Amino acid sequence: MKLTSRIPGTTGKTGCYAAAAWLSFAATPLALADPPIDAQAHCDVTTSQQAGWVAERLFEQGAYESAGQCYEAAGDFRHANVAFVKAVEAESNAAGRRLSAQRDQAKALLRQVQQSFR
């Protein structure tokens, strides 16, 4: 049994097109990826020891994202991950408070609209 297409000459072209499409989709994440970040440039220090010291002070002050960048510059990726998670947690709590305030404002506006039609 032959496994060829009933239309002559299309099997080879279809395979080439499929391979080209697959390669273009496979290369897309690489083309869209962010460039690597120079952690020391964001931490504004010259040595890894300074970066570690600054990171500890920033973490104690609650500046978790900056602390994470300095921990990365110091090469302490475990503490950097902890700092970044704390930064996300603090930001999500703030976002929750903003959302709650907006919900309350929307409810008040709805009440005003309902009262104006009575």
C-alpha atoms as a PDB file:
ATOM      1  CA  MET A   1       0.000   0.000   0.000  1.00  0.00           C
ATOM      2  CA  LYS A   2       1.429   3.365  -1.039  1.00  0.00           C
ATOM      3  CA  LEU A   3       1.122   6.237   1.439  1.00  0.00           C
ATOM      4  CA  THR A   4       1.099   9.066  -1.071  1.00  0.00           C
ATOM      5  CA  SER A   5      -1.373  11.771  -1.823  1.00  0.00           C
ATOM      6  CA  ARG A   6      -3.957  11.280  -4.551  1.00  0.00           C
ATOM      7  CA  ILE A   7      -2.917  14.653  -5.947  1.00  0.00           C
ATOM      8  CA  PRO A   8       0.523  14.277  -7.516  1.00  0.00           C
ATOM      9  CA  GLY A   9       3.277  16.589  -6.294  1.00  0.00           C
ATOM     10  CA  THR A  10       1.494  17.901  -3.167  1.00  0.00           C
ATOM     11  CA  THR A  11       2.920  15.587  -0.516  1.00  0.00           C
ATOM     12  CA  GLY A  12       6.414  17.038  -0.579  1.00  0.00           C
ATOM     13  CA  LYS A  13       5.246  20.655  -0.605  1.00  0.00           C
ATOM     14  CA  THR A  14       2.819  20.090   2.248  1.00  0.00           C
ATOM     15  CA  GLY A  15       5.570  18.566   4.364  1.00  0.00           C
ATOM     16  CA  CYS A  16       7.859  21.530   3.661  1.00  0.00           C
ATOM     17  CA  TYR A  17       5.124  24.006   4.568  1.00  0.00           C
ATOM     18  CA  ALA A  18       4.330  22.108   7.759  1.00  0.00           C
ATOM     19  CA  ALA A  19       8.007  22.043   8.744  1.00  0.00           C
ATOM     20  CA  ALA A  20       8.366  25.762   8.046  1.00  0.00           C
ATOM     21  CA  ALA A  21       5.264  26.561  10.088  1.00  0.00           C
ATOM     22  CA  TRP A  22       6.437  24.411  12.973  1.00  0.00           C
ATOM     23  CA  LEU A  23       9.874  26.064  12.972  1.00  0.00           C
ATOM     24  CA  SER A  24       8.379  29.553  12.912  1.00  0.00           C
ATOM     25  CA  PHE A  25       6.124  28.750  15.888  1.00  0.00           C
ATOM     26  CA  ALA A  26       8.974  27.095  17.767  1.00  0.00           C
ATOM     27  CA  ALA A  27      11.215  30.140  17.289  1.00  0.00           C
ATOM     28  CA  THR A  28       8.556  32.671  18.346  1.00  0.00           C
ATOM     29  CA  PRO A  29       9.151  32.430  22.137  1.00  0.00           C
ATOM     30  CA  LEU A  30      12.851  33.029  21.588  1.00  0.00           C
ATOM     31  CA  ALA A  31      12.211  36.106  19.504  1.00  0.00           C
ATOM     32  CA  LEU A  32       9.700  37.522  21.981  1.00  0.00           C
ATOM     33  CA  ALA A  33      11.675  36.766  25.157  1.00  0.00           C
ATOM     34  CA  ASP A  34      12.899  39.659  27.281  1.00  0.00           C
ATOM     35  CA  PRO A  35      16.605  40.417  27.166  1.00  0.00           C
ATOM     36  CA  PRO A  36      18.571  39.412  30.277  1.00  0.00           C
ATOM     37  CA  ILE A  37      18.608  42.020  33.036  1.00  0.00           C
ATOM     38  CA  ASP A  38      21.849  43.194  34.576  1.00  0.00           C
ATOM     39  CA  ALA A  39      20.940  42.963  38.272  1.00  0.00           C
ATOM     40  CA  GLN A  40      23.887  45.045  39.454  1.00  0.00           C
ATOM     41  CA  ALA A  41      22.772  47.955  37.272  1.00  0.00           C
ATOM     42  CA  HIS A  42      19.387  47.920  39.040  1.00  0.00           C
ATOM     43  CA  CYS A  43      20.919  47.598  42.509  1.00  0.00           C
ATOM     44  CA  ASP A  44      23.452  50.417  42.008  1.00  0.00           C
ATOM     45  CA  VAL A  45      26.387  48.739  43.796  1.00  0.00           C
ATOM     46  CA  THR A  46      29.846  47.657  42.696  1.00  0.00           C
ATOM     47  CA  THR A  47      30.450  44.405  44.588  1.00  0.00           C
ATOM     48  CA  SER A  48      28.327  41.407  45.478  1.00  0.00           C
ATOM     49  CA  GLN A  49      29.029  41.970  49.186  1.00  0.00           C
ATOM     50  CA  GLN A  50      27.607  45.480  48.947  1.00  0.00           C
ATOM     51  CA  ALA A  51      24.619  44.117  47.058  1.00  0.00           C
ATOM     52  CA  GLY A  52      23.928  41.602  49.826  1.00  0.00           C
ATOM     53  CA  TRP A  53      24.161  44.271  52.515  1.00  0.00           C
ATOM     54  CA  VAL A  54      21.892  46.669  50.597  1.00  0.00           C
ATOM     55  CA  ALA A  55      19.437  43.850  49.889  1.00  0.00           C
ATOM     56  CA  GLU A  56      19.104  43.040  53.584  1.00  0.00           C
ATOM     57  CA  ARG A  57      18.433  46.685  54.447  1.00  0.00           C
ATOM     58  CA  LEU A  58      15.869  47.053  51.661  1.00  0.00           C
ATOM     59  CA  PHE A  59      14.124  43.843  52.718  1.00  0.00           C
ATOM     60  CA  GLU A  60      13.906  45.096  56.324  1.00  0.00           C
ATOM     61  CA  GLN A  61      12.390  48.355  55.056  1.00  0.00           C
ATOM     62  CA  GLY A  62       9.767  46.517  53.012  1.00  0.00           C
ATOM     63  CA  ALA A  63      11.177  47.459  49.587  1.00  0.00           C
ATOM     64  CA  TYR A  64      10.928  43.840  48.475  1.00  0.00           C
ATOM     65  CA  GLU A  65      11.301  44.269  44.710  1.00  0.00           C
ATOM     66  CA  SER A  66      14.475  46.350  45.058  1.00  0.00           C
ATOM     67  CA  ALA A  67      15.756  43.894  47.642  1.00  0.00           C
ATOM     68  CA  GLY A  68      15.176  41.045  45.200  1.00  0.00           C
ATOM     69  CA  GLN A  69      17.193  42.826  42.539  1.00  0.00           C
ATOM     70  CA  CYS A  70      20.054  43.366  44.973  1.00  0.00           C
ATOM     71  CA  TYR A  71      19.918  39.753  46.128  1.00  0.00           C
ATOM     72  CA  GLU A  72      20.227  38.738  42.473  1.00  0.00           C
ATOM     73  CA  ALA A  73      23.234  41.025  42.076  1.00  0.00           C
ATOM     74  CA  ALA A  74      24.764  39.368  45.132  1.00  0.00           C
ATOM     75  CA  GLY A  75      24.134  35.938  43.616  1.00  0.00           C
ATOM     76  CA  ASP A  76      21.705  34.952  46.397  1.00  0.00           C
ATOM     77  CA  PHE A  77      18.854  33.677  44.268  1.00  0.00           C
ATOM     78  CA  ARG A  78      17.024  31.908  47.094  1.00  0.00           C
ATOM     79  CA  HIS A  79      16.557  35.165  49.018  1.00  0.00           C
ATOM     80  CA  ALA A  80      15.826  37.003  45.753  1.00  0.00           C
ATOM     81  CA  ASN A  81      12.901  34.655  45.091  1.00  0.00           C
ATOM     82  CA  VAL A  82      11.567  35.203  48.608  1.00  0.00           C
ATOM     83  CA  ALA A  83      11.797  38.971  48.168  1.00  0.00           C
ATOM     84  CA  PHE A  84      10.023  38.887  44.810  1.00  0.00           C
ATOM     85  CA  VAL A  85       7.222  36.727  46.234  1.00  0.00           C
ATOM     86  CA  LYS A  86       6.812  39.194  49.110  1.00  0.00           C
ATOM     87  CA  ALA A  87       6.678  42.052  46.577  1.00  0.00           C
ATOM     88  CA  VAL A  88       3.916  40.304  44.627  1.00  0.00           C
ATOM     89  CA  GLU A  89       2.030  39.556  47.840  1.00  0.00           C
ATOM     90  CA  ALA A  90       2.171  43.190  48.961  1.00  0.00           C
ATOM     91  CA  GLU A  91       1.086  44.414  45.527  1.00  0.00           C
ATOM     92  CA  SER A  92      -1.800  41.948  45.347  1.00  0.00           C
ATOM     93  CA  ASN A  93      -3.024  43.076  48.776  1.00  0.00           C
ATOM     94  CA  ALA A  94      -2.916  46.705  47.618  1.00  0.00           C
ATOM     95  CA  ALA A  95      -4.758  45.765  44.421  1.00  0.00           C
ATOM     96  CA  GLY A  96      -7.407  44.004  46.499  1.00  0.00           C
ATOM     97  CA  ARG A  97      -7.922  47.114  48.600  1.00  0.00           C
ATOM     98  CA  ARG A  98      -8.210  49.276  45.467  1.00  0.00           C
ATOM     99  CA  LEU A  99     -10.721  46.856  43.965  1.00  0.00           C
ATOM    100  CA  SER A 100     -12.781  46.897  47.151  1.00  0.00           C
ATOM    101  CA  ALA A 101     -12.813  50.703  47.171  1.00  0.00           C
ATOM    102  CA  GLN A 102     -13.890  50.783  43.526  1.00  0.00           C
ATOM    103  CA  ARG A 103     -16.661  48.284  44.269  1.00  0.00           C
ATOM    104  CA  ASP A 104     -17.935  50.506  47.085  1.00  0.00           C
ATOM    105  CA  GLN A 105     -17.873  53.548  44.794  1.00  0.00           C
ATOM    106  CA  ALA A 106     -19.788  51.665  42.114  1.00  0.00           C
ATOM    107  CA  LYS A 107     -22.431  50.607  44.638  1.00  0.00           C
ATOM    108  CA  ALA A 108     -22.821  54.194  45.854  1.00  0.00           C
ATOM    109  CA  LEU A 109     -23.150  55.448  42.289  1.00  0.00           C
ATOM    110  CA  LEU A 110     -25.786  52.806  41.532  1.00  0.00           C
ATOM    111  CA  ARG A 111     -27.759  53.844  44.633  1.00  0.00           C
ATOM    112  CA  GLN A 112     -27.656  57.481  43.493  1.00  0.00           C
ATOM    113  CA  VAL A 113     -28.893  56.561  40.038  1.00  0.00           C
ATOM    114  CA  GLN A 114     -31.705  54.439  41.476  1.00  0.00           C
ATOM    115  CA  GLN A 115     -32.770  57.241  43.834  1.00  0.00           C
ATOM    116  CA  SER A 116     -32.817  59.783  41.013  1.00  0.00           C
ATOM    117  CA  PHE A 117     -35.414  57.665  39.146  1.00  0.00           C
ATOM    118  CA  ARG A 118     -37.763  57.387  42.154  1.00  0.00           C
END
